[in-house]
Amino acid sequence: MRSKDERHQRQATRGSLYKLGAVVCVLLMGIPAASAQIIQRERYSGTFDGDEVSCGRHVEYQGAFHGVFMLKMRGNRPTPYYFDNYFVHEVFTTADGGGYIIDSDGNYKDLRINHVRGTIYRFIVKDAGQVFTIRTLDGKAIERNRGLLVHTFLMDTKGDSDLSNDVLFEDTYRLVRSAGPHPELTSTDEEFCAAIDAAIAG
């Protein structure tokens, strides 16, 4: 089963195509945007599929995603700032032909990256938008999570600009600020599954 903690951990993983959550940030001040240099900017898209046990049901899922990401360098540090304007659409199908949809539509941004020691850095990030919506198969919204969120966590970047080898210290993840309705952030697994049940029921 995809637990609440696993869902929140997924949204904290830097560079993931499945950023969930949302944020506003007064921490933007103090970041010299003029000194940022874009080192990579790309559009991306793709599809995925699989199966899992969620809320006591075995479900198959198919999904599609697209977006634009950028990497920016500030100063002479080897760690780039990551920006991602993303959309993810997932359709979950149950064995009896029922199902539900989860959409994620947001804008992720590294706000601050502070050196801690060695190759370990503290990240302060934001995720903003309509980043987690549970829908019926005909598109009716059952639960919306939208607005702005700020997260912080420690990451070992291995001292390079390759995001794929970054290691997240899971126990350092913290939600710093929340603005807007985000029922998923405070829901129990039982409450999350109740929303899924409502989506399946239509």
C-alpha atoms as a PDB file:
ATOM      1  CA  MET A   1       0.000   0.000   0.000  1.00  0.00           C
ATOM      2  CA  ARG A   2       1.204   3.510  -0.775  1.00  0.00           C
ATOM      3  CA  SER A   3       1.196   5.013   2.701  1.00  0.00           C
ATOM      4  CA  LYS A   4       0.888   8.659   3.666  1.00  0.00           C
ATOM      5  CA  ASP A   5       4.581   8.845   4.527  1.00  0.00           C
ATOM      6  CA  GLU A   6       5.544   7.318   1.178  1.00  0.00           C
ATOM      7  CA  ARG A   7       3.410   9.880  -0.652  1.00  0.00           C
ATOM      8  CA  HIS A   8       5.060  12.754   1.229  1.00  0.00           C
ATOM      9  CA  GLN A   9       8.524  11.298   0.721  1.00  0.00           C
ATOM     10  CA  ARG A  10       7.888  11.152  -2.999  1.00  0.00           C
ATOM     11  CA  GLN A  11       7.065  14.842  -3.148  1.00  0.00           C
ATOM     12  CA  ALA A  12      10.284  15.731  -1.314  1.00  0.00           C
ATOM     13  CA  THR A  13      12.598  13.931  -3.740  1.00  0.00           C
ATOM     14  CA  ARG A  14      14.486  16.511  -5.759  1.00  0.00           C
ATOM     15  CA  GLY A  15      14.391  16.023  -9.504  1.00  0.00           C
ATOM     16  CA  SER A  16      11.409  13.673  -9.425  1.00  0.00           C
ATOM     17  CA  LEU A  17       8.762  13.920 -12.110  1.00  0.00           C
ATOM     18  CA  TYR A  18       6.182  13.313  -9.385  1.00  0.00           C
ATOM     19  CA  LYS A  19       6.444  16.420  -7.276  1.00  0.00           C
ATOM     20  CA  LEU A  20       3.364  16.686  -5.064  1.00  0.00           C
ATOM     21  CA  GLY A  21       2.447  19.328  -2.535  1.00  0.00           C
ATOM     22  CA  ALA A  22       2.394  23.160  -2.867  1.00  0.00           C
ATOM     23  CA  VAL A  23       4.009  26.323  -1.302  1.00  0.00           C
ATOM     24  CA  VAL A  24       4.612  30.007  -0.925  1.00  0.00           C
ATOM     25  CA  CYS A  25       7.785  31.426   0.206  1.00  0.00           C
ATOM     26  CA  VAL A  26       8.913  34.605   1.825  1.00  0.00           C
ATOM     27  CA  LEU A  27      12.353  33.000   1.690  1.00  0.00           C
ATOM     28  CA  LEU A  28      12.717  34.206  -1.894  1.00  0.00           C
ATOM     29  CA  MET A  29      14.320  37.382  -0.638  1.00  0.00           C
ATOM     30  CA  GLY A  30      18.057  37.238  -0.386  1.00  0.00           C
ATOM     31  CA  ILE A  31      18.463  35.080  -3.489  1.00  0.00           C
ATOM     32  CA  PRO A  32      20.292  37.108  -6.164  1.00  0.00           C
ATOM     33  CA  ALA A  33      18.361  36.120  -9.282  1.00  0.00           C
ATOM     34  CA  ALA A  34      20.570  38.307 -11.475  1.00  0.00           C
ATOM     35  CA  SER A  35      23.573  36.107 -10.713  1.00  0.00           C
ATOM     36  CA  ALA A  36      21.835  32.894 -11.846  1.00  0.00           C
ATOM     37  CA  GLN A  37      23.079  31.268 -15.027  1.00  0.00           C
ATOM     38  CA  ILE A  38      20.909  28.751 -16.893  1.00  0.00           C
ATOM     39  CA  ILE A  39      23.009  25.687 -17.699  1.00  0.00           C
ATOM     40  CA  GLN A  40      20.211  23.449 -18.941  1.00  0.00           C
ATOM     41  CA  ARG A  41      16.608  23.919 -20.049  1.00  0.00           C
ATOM     42  CA  GLU A  42      14.544  21.149 -21.596  1.00  0.00           C
ATOM     43  CA  ARG A  43      10.987  20.141 -22.350  1.00  0.00           C
ATOM     44  CA  TYR A  44      10.169  16.570 -21.419  1.00  0.00           C
ATOM     45  CA  SER A  45       7.288  14.121 -21.763  1.00  0.00           C
ATOM     46  CA  GLY A  46       6.641  10.444 -21.368  1.00  0.00           C
ATOM     47  CA  THR A  47       4.369   7.654 -20.205  1.00  0.00           C
ATOM     48  CA  PHE A  48       4.522   4.959 -17.540  1.00  0.00           C
ATOM     49  CA  ASP A  49       2.460   2.045 -16.231  1.00  0.00           C
ATOM     50  CA  GLY A  50       2.484  -0.577 -13.519  1.00  0.00           C
ATOM     51  CA  ASP A  51       0.477  -2.070 -10.694  1.00  0.00           C
ATOM     52  CA  GLU A  52       0.366  -1.753  -6.915  1.00  0.00           C
ATOM     53  CA  VAL A  53      -1.736  -2.484  -3.862  1.00  0.00           C
ATOM     54  CA  SER A  54      -3.334   0.728  -2.605  1.00  0.00           C
ATOM     55  CA  CYS A  55      -6.048   1.067   0.064  1.00  0.00           C
ATOM     56  CA  GLY A  56      -6.523  -2.693   0.149  1.00  0.00           C
ATOM     57  CA  ARG A  57      -7.048  -2.979  -3.607  1.00  0.00           C
ATOM     58  CA  HIS A  58      -4.823  -4.265  -6.344  1.00  0.00           C
ATOM     59  CA  VAL A  59      -4.835  -1.559  -9.020  1.00  0.00           C
ATOM     60  CA  GLU A  60      -3.196  -1.127 -12.381  1.00  0.00           C
ATOM     61  CA  TYR A  61      -2.138   2.355 -13.385  1.00  0.00           C
ATOM     62  CA  GLN A  62      -1.194   4.182 -16.552  1.00  0.00           C
ATOM     63  CA  GLY A  63       0.176   7.672 -16.624  1.00  0.00           C
ATOM     64  CA  ALA A  64       1.576  10.461 -18.744  1.00  0.00           C
ATOM     65  CA  PHE A  65       3.688  13.451 -17.835  1.00  0.00           C
ATOM     66  CA  HIS A  66       5.132  16.544 -19.474  1.00  0.00           C
ATOM     67  CA  GLY A  67       6.801  19.765 -18.449  1.00  0.00           C
ATOM     68  CA  VAL A  68       9.801  22.043 -18.625  1.00  0.00           C
ATOM     69  CA  PHE A  69      12.777  21.892 -16.301  1.00  0.00           C
ATOM     70  CA  MET A  70      15.798  24.125 -15.828  1.00  0.00           C
ATOM     71  CA  LEU A  71      19.092  23.921 -13.977  1.00  0.00           C
ATOM     72  CA  LYS A  72      20.696  27.178 -12.845  1.00  0.00           C
ATOM     73  CA  MET A  73      24.063  27.861 -11.269  1.00  0.00           C
ATOM     74  CA  ARG A  74      24.546  30.560  -8.637  1.00  0.00           C
ATOM     75  CA  GLY A  75      28.090  31.491  -7.684  1.00  0.00           C
ATOM     76  CA  ASN A  76      30.850  28.883  -7.848  1.00  0.00           C
ATOM     77  CA  ARG A  77      29.106  26.019  -6.013  1.00  0.00           C
ATOM     78  CA  PRO A  78      28.844  22.707  -7.915  1.00  0.00           C
ATOM     79  CA  THR A  79      25.206  22.209  -6.866  1.00  0.00           C
ATOM     80  CA  PRO A  80      22.660  23.576  -9.383  1.00  0.00           C
ATOM     81  CA  TYR A  81      19.265  25.025  -8.542  1.00  0.00           C
ATOM     82  CA  TYR A  82      16.437  22.909  -9.967  1.00  0.00           C
ATOM     83  CA  PHE A  83      13.207  24.287 -11.485  1.00  0.00           C
ATOM     84  CA  ASP A  84      10.367  22.132 -12.827  1.00  0.00           C
ATOM     85  CA  ASN A  85       7.004  23.162 -14.289  1.00  0.00           C
ATOM     86  CA  TYR A  86       5.284  19.767 -14.408  1.00  0.00           C
ATOM     87  CA  PHE A  87       2.029  17.947 -15.111  1.00  0.00           C
ATOM     88  CA  VAL A  88       1.367  14.286 -14.250  1.00  0.00           C
ATOM     89  CA  HIS A  89      -1.859  12.405 -15.053  1.00  0.00           C
ATOM     90  CA  GLU A  90      -2.370   8.947 -13.510  1.00  0.00           C
ATOM     91  CA  VAL A  91      -5.345   6.627 -14.122  1.00  0.00           C
ATOM     92  CA  PHE A  92      -5.824   3.771 -11.636  1.00  0.00           C
ATOM     93  CA  THR A  93      -8.064   0.825 -12.579  1.00  0.00           C
ATOM     94  CA  THR A  94      -9.474  -1.806 -10.226  1.00  0.00           C
ATOM     95  CA  ALA A  95     -10.113  -5.452 -11.101  1.00  0.00           C
ATOM     96  CA  ASP A  96     -13.873  -4.878 -11.426  1.00  0.00           C
ATOM     97  CA  GLY A  97     -13.454  -2.026 -13.909  1.00  0.00           C
ATOM     98  CA  GLY A  98     -13.737   0.853 -11.456  1.00  0.00           C
ATOM     99  CA  GLY A  99     -11.029   3.370 -10.837  1.00  0.00           C
ATOM    100  CA  TYR A 100      -9.906   6.893 -10.121  1.00  0.00           C
ATOM    101  CA  ILE A 101      -7.532   9.582 -11.367  1.00  0.00           C
ATOM    102  CA  ILE A 102      -4.755  11.504  -9.651  1.00  0.00           C
ATOM    103  CA  ASP A 103      -3.481  14.693 -11.315  1.00  0.00           C
ATOM    104  CA  SER A 104      -0.446  16.730 -10.286  1.00  0.00           C
ATOM    105  CA  ASP A 105       0.022  20.171 -11.861  1.00  0.00           C
ATOM    106  CA  GLY A 106       2.574  22.487 -10.310  1.00  0.00           C
ATOM    107  CA  ASN A 107       5.776  24.458 -10.286  1.00  0.00           C
ATOM    108  CA  TYR A 108       8.730  23.184  -8.226  1.00  0.00           C
ATOM    109  CA  LYS A 109      11.692  25.405  -7.407  1.00  0.00           C
ATOM    110  CA  ASP A 110      14.835  25.199  -5.277  1.00  0.00           C
ATOM    111  CA  LEU A 111      14.774  28.441  -3.290  1.00  0.00           C
ATOM    112  CA  ARG A 112      17.933  28.158  -1.194  1.00  0.00           C
ATOM    113  CA  ILE A 113      20.790  25.678  -1.030  1.00  0.00           C
ATOM    114  CA  ASN A 114      23.015  26.032   2.049  1.00  0.00           C
ATOM    115  CA  HIS A 115      26.232  24.103   2.553  1.00  0.00           C
ATOM    116  CA  VAL A 116      26.234  21.976   5.727  1.00  0.00           C
ATOM    117  CA  ARG A 117      29.444  19.911   5.516  1.00  0.00           C
ATOM    118  CA  GLY A 118      31.355  17.966   2.915  1.00  0.00           C
ATOM    119  CA  THR A 119      28.982  17.334   0.013  1.00  0.00           C
ATOM    120  CA  ILE A 120      25.860  17.663   2.178  1.00  0.00           C
ATOM    121  CA  TYR A 121      23.538  20.629   1.596  1.00  0.00           C
ATOM    122  CA  ARG A 122      20.292  21.851   3.127  1.00  0.00           C
ATOM    123  CA  PHE A 123      17.621  22.589   0.537  1.00  0.00           C
ATOM    124  CA  ILE A 124      14.649  24.899   0.944  1.00  0.00           C
ATOM    125  CA  VAL A 125      12.183  24.274  -1.884  1.00  0.00           C
ATOM    126  CA  LYS A 126       8.717  25.305  -2.944  1.00  0.00           C
ATOM    127  CA  ASP A 127       5.987  23.470  -4.818  1.00  0.00           C
ATOM    128  CA  ALA A 128       3.084  25.618  -5.997  1.00  0.00           C
ATOM    129  CA  GLY A 129      -0.088  24.988  -7.938  1.00  0.00           C
ATOM    130  CA  GLN A 130      -2.847  22.396  -8.030  1.00  0.00           C
ATOM    131  CA  VAL A 131      -0.391  19.692  -7.134  1.00  0.00           C
ATOM    132  CA  PHE A 132      -2.561  16.780  -6.011  1.00  0.00           C
ATOM    133  CA  THR A 133      -6.141  16.236  -7.157  1.00  0.00           C
ATOM    134  CA  ILE A 134      -8.141  13.022  -6.750  1.00  0.00           C
ATOM    135  CA  ARG A 135     -10.836  12.621  -9.420  1.00  0.00           C
ATOM    136  CA  THR A 136     -13.481  10.159 -10.529  1.00  0.00           C
ATOM    137  CA  LEU A 137     -12.918   8.436 -13.877  1.00  0.00           C
ATOM    138  CA  ASP A 138     -15.244  10.977 -15.504  1.00  0.00           C
ATOM    139  CA  GLY A 139     -13.128  13.850 -14.181  1.00  0.00           C
ATOM    140  CA  LYS A 140     -15.095  15.102 -11.171  1.00  0.00           C
ATOM    141  CA  ALA A 141     -12.767  16.411  -8.441  1.00  0.00           C
ATOM    142  CA  ILE A 142     -13.185  14.637  -5.091  1.00  0.00           C
ATOM    143  CA  GLU A 143     -10.249  16.241  -3.279  1.00  0.00           C
ATOM    144  CA  ARG A 144      -8.061  19.173  -4.332  1.00  0.00           C
ATOM    145  CA  ASN A 145      -4.706  20.143  -2.836  1.00  0.00           C
ATOM    146  CA  ARG A 146      -3.675  23.547  -4.117  1.00  0.00           C
ATOM    147  CA  GLY A 147      -1.751  26.629  -3.079  1.00  0.00           C
ATOM    148  CA  LEU A 148       1.846  26.937  -1.904  1.00  0.00           C
ATOM    149  CA  LEU A 149       4.183  24.838   0.264  1.00  0.00           C
ATOM    150  CA  VAL A 150       7.764  25.124   1.482  1.00  0.00           C
ATOM    151  CA  HIS A 151       9.828  22.040   2.324  1.00  0.00           C
ATOM    152  CA  THR A 152      13.336  21.611   3.681  1.00  0.00           C
ATOM    153  CA  PHE A 153      15.616  18.569   3.747  1.00  0.00           C
ATOM    154  CA  LEU A 154      19.262  17.511   3.668  1.00  0.00           C
ATOM    155  CA  MET A 155      20.772  16.005   0.531  1.00  0.00           C
ATOM    156  CA  ASP A 156      24.164  14.512  -0.260  1.00  0.00           C
ATOM    157  CA  THR A 157      24.850  15.864  -3.743  1.00  0.00           C
ATOM    158  CA  LYS A 158      28.109  13.893  -4.149  1.00  0.00           C
ATOM    159  CA  GLY A 159      29.776  17.200  -4.966  1.00  0.00           C
ATOM    160  CA  ASP A 160      28.609  17.346  -8.572  1.00  0.00           C
ATOM    161  CA  SER A 161      25.750  18.683 -10.705  1.00  0.00           C
ATOM    162  CA  ASP A 162      24.308  15.233 -11.488  1.00  0.00           C
ATOM    163  CA  LEU A 163      20.858  15.096  -9.828  1.00  0.00           C
ATOM    164  CA  SER A 164      20.486  11.363 -10.456  1.00  0.00           C
ATOM    165  CA  ASN A 165      23.059  10.420  -7.797  1.00  0.00           C
ATOM    166  CA  ASP A 166      21.741  12.741  -5.070  1.00  0.00           C
ATOM    167  CA  VAL A 167      20.907  10.971  -1.801  1.00  0.00           C
ATOM    168  CA  LEU A 168      18.029  12.300   0.311  1.00  0.00           C
ATOM    169  CA  PHE A 169      18.306  12.017   4.112  1.00  0.00           C
ATOM    170  CA  GLU A 170      14.676  11.019   4.617  1.00  0.00           C
ATOM    171  CA  ASP A 171      14.516  11.790   8.345  1.00  0.00           C
ATOM    172  CA  THR A 172      15.473  15.444   7.707  1.00  0.00           C
ATOM    173  CA  TYR A 173      12.401  16.246   5.593  1.00  0.00           C
ATOM    174  CA  ARG A 174      10.254  18.997   7.135  1.00  0.00           C
ATOM    175  CA  LEU A 175       7.262  21.022   5.971  1.00  0.00           C
ATOM    176  CA  VAL A 176       8.160  24.641   6.717  1.00  0.00           C
ATOM    177  CA  ARG A 177       5.102  26.515   5.469  1.00  0.00           C
ATOM    178  CA  SER A 178       1.692  25.755   4.009  1.00  0.00           C
ATOM    179  CA  ALA A 179      -0.750  28.151   2.344  1.00  0.00           C
ATOM    180  CA  GLY A 180      -3.990  27.048   0.762  1.00  0.00           C
ATOM    181  CA  PRO A 181      -6.067  23.899   1.259  1.00  0.00           C
ATOM    182  CA  HIS A 182      -3.936  20.752   1.446  1.00  0.00           C
ATOM    183  CA  PRO A 183      -6.077  18.014   3.007  1.00  0.00           C
ATOM    184  CA  GLU A 184      -3.681  15.311   1.791  1.00  0.00           C
ATOM    185  CA  LEU A 185      -0.849  16.699   3.909  1.00  0.00           C
ATOM    186  CA  THR A 186      -2.679  16.137   7.190  1.00  0.00           C
ATOM    187  CA  SER A 187      -4.836  13.160   6.266  1.00  0.00           C
ATOM    188  CA  THR A 188      -4.371   9.738   7.791  1.00  0.00           C
ATOM    189  CA  ASP A 189      -4.123   6.686   5.551  1.00  0.00           C
ATOM    190  CA  GLU A 190      -7.751   5.977   6.435  1.00  0.00           C
ATOM    191  CA  GLU A 191      -8.853   9.465   5.339  1.00  0.00           C
ATOM    192  CA  PHE A 192      -6.828   9.211   2.130  1.00  0.00           C
ATOM    193  CA  CYS A 193      -8.441   5.843   1.361  1.00  0.00           C
ATOM    194  CA  ALA A 194     -11.887   7.310   2.092  1.00  0.00           C
ATOM    195  CA  ALA A 195     -11.249   9.901  -0.635  1.00  0.00           C
ATOM    196  CA  ILE A 196     -10.155   7.144  -3.012  1.00  0.00           C
ATOM    197  CA  ASP A 197     -13.302   5.145  -2.150  1.00  0.00           C
ATOM    198  CA  ALA A 198     -15.433   8.213  -2.915  1.00  0.00           C
ATOM    199  CA  ALA A 199     -13.673   8.669  -6.268  1.00  0.00           C
ATOM    200  CA  ILE A 200     -14.258   5.024  -7.203  1.00  0.00           C
ATOM    201  CA  ALA A 201     -17.917   5.270  -6.186  1.00  0.00           C
ATOM    202  CA  GLY A 202     -18.284   8.328  -8.388  1.00  0.00           C
END
